[in-house]
Amino acid sequence: MNIVSICACTVGIAHTYIAAEKLEKAAEKKGHSIKIETQGTIGIENELSEEDIKQADIVLLAVDVKVSAKERFEGKKIIEIPTDVAIKSPNKLIEKIEQISQQ
């Protein structure tokens, strides 16, 4: 499965990057491809390309704040959760994404 994600927390520092790291490890553990864009205090990093989004089976927004350019995911299955969920239960989250993507 191809997953694209945005991680962004209220401060834009710790939780943003911890969530991204946990999601990356959990997705890879299950054999999924994941590309993660972070939106933090230093701006947007690893910005998702149109091609990344086009190839995605699902969009995961692990965010605590409003993210920019959300409209680019129009027509895609989107799951939006707080960063805490990605940090505390990344493996369960990936399992849930697997279930949702099969619906």
N, C-alpha and C. Protein backbone atom coordinates (compact mmCIF):
# COMPACT_ATOMS: atom_id res chain seq x y z
N MET A 1 0.85 -1.17 0.00
CA MET A 1 0.00 0.00 0.00
C MET A 1 0.90 1.24 0.00
N ASN A 2 0.49 2.24 -0.74
CA ASN A 2 1.20 3.52 -0.76
C ASN A 2 0.46 4.52 0.12
N ILE A 3 1.17 5.04 1.10
CA ILE A 3 0.60 6.00 2.04
C ILE A 3 1.36 7.32 1.88
N VAL A 4 0.62 8.42 1.86
CA VAL A 4 1.25 9.73 1.98
C VAL A 4 0.71 10.35 3.26
N SER A 5 1.53 11.15 3.90
CA SER A 5 1.15 11.68 5.20
C SER A 5 1.70 13.09 5.39
N ILE A 6 0.99 13.83 6.23
CA ILE A 6 1.49 15.11 6.72
C ILE A 6 1.48 15.01 8.24
N CYS A 7 2.58 15.42 8.85
CA CYS A 7 2.66 15.51 10.30
C CYS A 7 2.89 16.96 10.67
N ALA A 8 2.09 17.44 11.63
CA ALA A 8 2.21 18.82 12.09
C ALA A 8 1.60 18.95 13.48
N CYS A 9 2.38 19.48 14.42
CA CYS A 9 1.86 19.68 15.77
C CYS A 9 1.72 21.18 16.06
N THR A 10 1.17 21.50 17.22
CA THR A 10 0.90 22.91 17.54
C THR A 10 2.17 23.74 17.63
N VAL A 11 3.23 23.20 18.16
CA VAL A 11 4.47 23.95 18.29
C VAL A 11 5.32 23.79 17.02
N GLY A 12 5.15 22.66 16.36
CA GLY A 12 5.88 22.44 15.11
C GLY A 12 7.29 21.95 15.30
N ILE A 13 7.55 21.34 16.45
CA ILE A 13 8.90 20.84 16.69
C ILE A 13 8.84 19.34 17.00
N ALA A 14 8.84 18.99 18.26
CA ALA A 14 9.01 17.61 18.68
C ALA A 14 7.97 16.63 18.14
N HIS A 15 6.70 16.86 18.43
CA HIS A 15 5.66 15.89 18.05
C HIS A 15 5.59 15.68 16.54
N THR A 16 5.83 16.72 15.78
CA THR A 16 5.81 16.61 14.32
C THR A 16 6.79 15.54 13.86
N TYR A 17 8.01 15.63 14.34
CA TYR A 17 9.07 14.74 13.88
C TYR A 17 9.03 13.36 14.54
N ILE A 18 8.59 13.31 15.79
CA ILE A 18 8.43 12.01 16.46
C ILE A 18 7.33 11.21 15.76
N ALA A 19 6.20 11.86 15.46
CA ALA A 19 5.10 11.19 14.77
C ALA A 19 5.56 10.67 13.41
N ALA A 20 6.30 11.48 12.68
CA ALA A 20 6.79 11.07 11.36
C ALA A 20 7.68 9.84 11.47
N GLU A 21 8.59 9.86 12.43
CA GLU A 21 9.51 8.74 12.61
C GLU A 21 8.77 7.45 12.98
N LYS A 22 7.83 7.56 13.90
CA LYS A 22 7.06 6.37 14.34
C LYS A 22 6.23 5.81 13.18
N LEU A 23 5.59 6.68 12.40
CA LEU A 23 4.78 6.23 11.27
C LEU A 23 5.65 5.55 10.22
N GLU A 24 6.80 6.12 9.97
CA GLU A 24 7.72 5.55 8.98
C GLU A 24 8.12 4.13 9.37
N LYS A 25 8.49 3.94 10.62
CA LYS A 25 8.91 2.62 11.11
C LYS A 25 7.77 1.62 11.08
N ALA A 26 6.58 2.05 11.51
CA ALA A 26 5.42 1.15 11.55
C ALA A 26 4.99 0.73 10.14
N ALA A 27 4.99 1.65 9.21
CA ALA A 27 4.60 1.34 7.83
C ALA A 27 5.61 0.39 7.18
N GLU A 28 6.88 0.68 7.36
CA GLU A 28 7.92 -0.17 6.78
C GLU A 28 7.88 -1.58 7.37
N LYS A 29 7.60 -1.66 8.66
CA LYS A 29 7.50 -2.96 9.35
C LYS A 29 6.42 -3.83 8.70
N LYS A 30 5.35 -3.20 8.23
CA LYS A 30 4.23 -3.92 7.60
C LYS A 30 4.40 -4.03 6.09
N GLY A 31 5.52 -3.53 5.56
CA GLY A 31 5.79 -3.65 4.13
C GLY A 31 5.12 -2.61 3.25
N HIS A 32 4.71 -1.48 3.84
CA HIS A 32 4.05 -0.43 3.09
C HIS A 32 5.03 0.69 2.74
N SER A 33 4.75 1.37 1.66
CA SER A 33 5.52 2.55 1.26
C SER A 33 4.86 3.77 1.88
N ILE A 34 5.66 4.64 2.49
CA ILE A 34 5.10 5.86 3.09
C ILE A 34 6.03 7.04 2.79
N LYS A 35 5.40 8.15 2.42
CA LYS A 35 6.12 9.40 2.22
C LYS A 35 5.48 10.41 3.14
N ILE A 36 6.31 11.09 3.92
CA ILE A 36 5.80 11.99 4.95
C ILE A 36 6.32 13.41 4.75
N GLU A 37 5.39 14.32 4.70
CA GLU A 37 5.69 15.75 4.65
C GLU A 37 5.53 16.29 6.06
N THR A 38 6.47 17.09 6.51
CA THR A 38 6.32 17.73 7.81
C THR A 38 6.08 19.22 7.62
N GLN A 39 5.19 19.74 8.46
CA GLN A 39 4.91 21.18 8.46
C GLN A 39 5.17 21.66 9.88
N GLY A 40 6.34 22.28 10.06
CA GLY A 40 6.75 22.70 11.39
C GLY A 40 7.19 24.14 11.42
N THR A 41 7.93 24.47 12.46
CA THR A 41 8.37 25.85 12.65
C THR A 41 9.33 26.31 11.57
N ILE A 42 10.01 25.36 10.92
CA ILE A 42 10.93 25.75 9.85
C ILE A 42 10.29 25.62 8.47
N GLY A 43 8.97 25.47 8.46
CA GLY A 43 8.25 25.40 7.19
C GLY A 43 7.96 23.97 6.76
N ILE A 44 7.71 23.80 5.48
CA ILE A 44 7.38 22.50 4.91
C ILE A 44 8.67 21.80 4.50
N GLU A 45 8.81 20.56 4.96
CA GLU A 45 9.95 19.74 4.57
C GLU A 45 9.44 18.47 3.90
N ASN A 46 10.21 17.95 2.96
CA ASN A 46 9.84 16.73 2.23
C ASN A 46 8.46 16.85 1.59
N GLU A 47 8.21 17.98 0.96
CA GLU A 47 6.90 18.26 0.37
C GLU A 47 6.48 17.15 -0.59
N LEU A 48 5.25 16.70 -0.44
CA LEU A 48 4.71 15.65 -1.29
C LEU A 48 4.50 16.18 -2.70
N SER A 49 4.92 15.41 -3.68
CA SER A 49 4.74 15.82 -5.07
C SER A 49 3.36 15.40 -5.56
N GLU A 50 2.95 15.95 -6.68
CA GLU A 50 1.68 15.55 -7.29
C GLU A 50 1.69 14.05 -7.58
N GLU A 51 2.83 13.54 -8.03
CA GLU A 51 2.96 12.12 -8.35
C GLU A 51 2.83 11.26 -7.09
N ASP A 52 3.43 11.70 -5.97
CA ASP A 52 3.30 10.98 -4.69
C ASP A 52 1.83 10.84 -4.32
N ILE A 53 1.11 11.94 -4.43
CA ILE A 53 -0.30 11.97 -4.06
C ILE A 53 -1.13 11.12 -5.02
N LYS A 54 -0.83 11.23 -6.29
CA LYS A 54 -1.56 10.47 -7.31
C LYS A 54 -1.43 8.96 -7.06
N GLN A 55 -0.24 8.51 -6.68
CA GLN A 55 0.00 7.08 -6.46
C GLN A 55 -0.47 6.58 -5.10
N ALA A 56 -0.86 7.49 -4.21
CA ALA A 56 -1.24 7.10 -2.86
C ALA A 56 -2.57 6.37 -2.81
N ASP A 57 -2.60 5.33 -2.00
CA ASP A 57 -3.85 4.62 -1.74
C ASP A 57 -4.64 5.32 -0.65
N ILE A 58 -3.92 5.97 0.24
CA ILE A 58 -4.56 6.64 1.37
C ILE A 58 -3.70 7.81 1.85
N VAL A 59 -4.38 8.81 2.41
CA VAL A 59 -3.70 10.00 2.95
C VAL A 59 -3.91 10.00 4.45
N LEU A 60 -2.81 10.10 5.18
CA LEU A 60 -2.87 10.14 6.64
C LEU A 60 -2.40 11.51 7.11
N LEU A 61 -3.29 12.22 7.78
CA LEU A 61 -2.95 13.52 8.35
C LEU A 61 -2.82 13.35 9.86
N ALA A 62 -1.59 13.32 10.35
CA ALA A 62 -1.32 13.25 11.79
C ALA A 62 -1.03 14.68 12.22
N VAL A 63 -2.09 15.39 12.55
CA VAL A 63 -1.97 16.84 12.75
C VAL A 63 -2.76 17.33 13.96
N ASP A 64 -2.24 18.39 14.56
CA ASP A 64 -2.91 19.06 15.67
C ASP A 64 -3.29 20.48 15.29
N VAL A 65 -2.95 20.86 14.08
CA VAL A 65 -3.21 22.22 13.59
C VAL A 65 -3.73 22.12 12.16
N LYS A 66 -4.20 23.25 11.65
CA LYS A 66 -4.62 23.31 10.26
C LYS A 66 -3.39 23.21 9.37
N VAL A 67 -3.46 22.37 8.34
CA VAL A 67 -2.32 22.23 7.44
C VAL A 67 -2.58 22.97 6.14
N SER A 68 -1.51 23.37 5.50
CA SER A 68 -1.67 24.10 4.26
C SER A 68 -1.79 23.15 3.07
N ALA A 69 -2.50 23.58 2.07
CA ALA A 69 -2.68 22.86 0.80
C ALA A 69 -3.37 21.50 0.95
N LYS A 70 -4.33 21.44 1.84
CA LYS A 70 -5.08 20.19 2.06
C LYS A 70 -5.93 19.82 0.84
N GLU A 71 -6.30 20.82 0.04
CA GLU A 71 -7.15 20.58 -1.13
C GLU A 71 -6.48 19.66 -2.16
N ARG A 72 -5.18 19.52 -2.12
CA ARG A 72 -4.48 18.66 -3.09
C ARG A 72 -4.81 17.18 -2.91
N PHE A 73 -5.47 16.84 -1.79
CA PHE A 73 -5.84 15.45 -1.53
C PHE A 73 -7.28 15.13 -1.93
N GLU A 74 -7.92 16.07 -2.59
CA GLU A 74 -9.32 15.89 -3.00
C GLU A 74 -9.47 14.60 -3.81
N GLY A 75 -10.49 13.81 -3.44
CA GLY A 75 -10.75 12.56 -4.15
C GLY A 75 -10.03 11.36 -3.56
N LYS A 76 -9.19 11.58 -2.56
CA LYS A 76 -8.45 10.50 -1.90
C LYS A 76 -9.11 10.15 -0.58
N LYS A 77 -8.91 8.90 -0.13
CA LYS A 77 -9.34 8.53 1.22
C LYS A 77 -8.40 9.22 2.19
N ILE A 78 -8.99 9.95 3.14
CA ILE A 78 -8.20 10.71 4.10
C ILE A 78 -8.55 10.28 5.52
N ILE A 79 -7.51 10.01 6.29
CA ILE A 79 -7.66 9.73 7.72
C ILE A 79 -6.96 10.86 8.44
N GLU A 80 -7.67 11.49 9.37
CA GLU A 80 -7.07 12.58 10.14
C GLU A 80 -7.09 12.23 11.61
N ILE A 81 -5.92 12.26 12.23
CA ILE A 81 -5.78 11.91 13.64
C ILE A 81 -4.83 12.89 14.31
N PRO A 82 -4.88 12.99 15.65
CA PRO A 82 -3.90 13.84 16.33
C PRO A 82 -2.51 13.17 16.32
N THR A 83 -1.47 13.97 16.44
CA THR A 83 -0.12 13.41 16.44
C THR A 83 0.08 12.40 17.56
N ASP A 84 -0.59 12.59 18.70
CA ASP A 84 -0.46 11.66 19.82
C ASP A 84 -0.78 10.22 19.43
N VAL A 85 -1.77 10.03 18.58
CA VAL A 85 -2.15 8.68 18.15
C VAL A 85 -1.01 8.04 17.36
N ALA A 86 -0.41 8.81 16.49
CA ALA A 86 0.71 8.31 15.69
C ALA A 86 1.91 7.98 16.57
N ILE A 87 2.10 8.75 17.62
CA ILE A 87 3.24 8.54 18.51
C ILE A 87 3.01 7.35 19.44
N LYS A 88 1.82 7.26 20.03
CA LYS A 88 1.55 6.23 21.03
C LYS A 88 1.18 4.87 20.44
N SER A 89 0.49 4.84 19.29
CA SER A 89 0.01 3.57 18.73
C SER A 89 0.23 3.48 17.22
N PRO A 90 1.46 3.65 16.75
CA PRO A 90 1.66 3.65 15.29
C PRO A 90 1.34 2.32 14.62
N ASN A 91 1.63 1.20 15.29
CA ASN A 91 1.35 -0.10 14.68
C ASN A 91 -0.15 -0.36 14.55
N LYS A 92 -0.90 -0.03 15.59
CA LYS A 92 -2.36 -0.18 15.53
C LYS A 92 -2.95 0.74 14.47
N LEU A 93 -2.39 1.93 14.36
CA LEU A 93 -2.85 2.89 13.36
C LEU A 93 -2.65 2.34 11.94
N ILE A 94 -1.52 1.76 11.68
CA ILE A 94 -1.25 1.18 10.36
C ILE A 94 -2.23 0.03 10.09
N GLU A 95 -2.51 -0.78 11.09
CA GLU A 95 -3.49 -1.86 10.93
C GLU A 95 -4.87 -1.30 10.59
N LYS A 96 -5.25 -0.23 11.26
CA LYS A 96 -6.55 0.41 10.98
C LYS A 96 -6.57 0.97 9.55
N ILE A 97 -5.47 1.56 9.12
CA ILE A 97 -5.37 2.09 7.76
C ILE A 97 -5.53 0.95 6.75
N GLU A 98 -4.94 -0.20 7.04
CA GLU A 98 -5.08 -1.36 6.15
C GLU A 98 -6.56 -1.74 6.00
N GLN A 99 -7.28 -1.75 7.12
CA GLN A 99 -8.70 -2.09 7.09
C GLN A 99 -9.49 -1.06 6.27
N ILE A 100 -9.24 0.20 6.51
CA ILE A 100 -9.96 1.27 5.83
C ILE A 100 -9.68 1.26 4.33
N SER A 101 -8.44 1.01 3.96
CA SER A 101 -8.08 1.03 2.53
C SER A 101 -8.75 -0.10 1.76
N GLN A 102 -9.15 -1.15 2.45
CA GLN A 102 -9.80 -2.28 1.78
C GLN A 102 -11.31 -2.10 1.65
N GLN A 103 -11.85 -1.05 2.21
CA GLN A 103 -13.29 -0.81 2.16
C GLN A 103 -13.67 -0.19 0.83
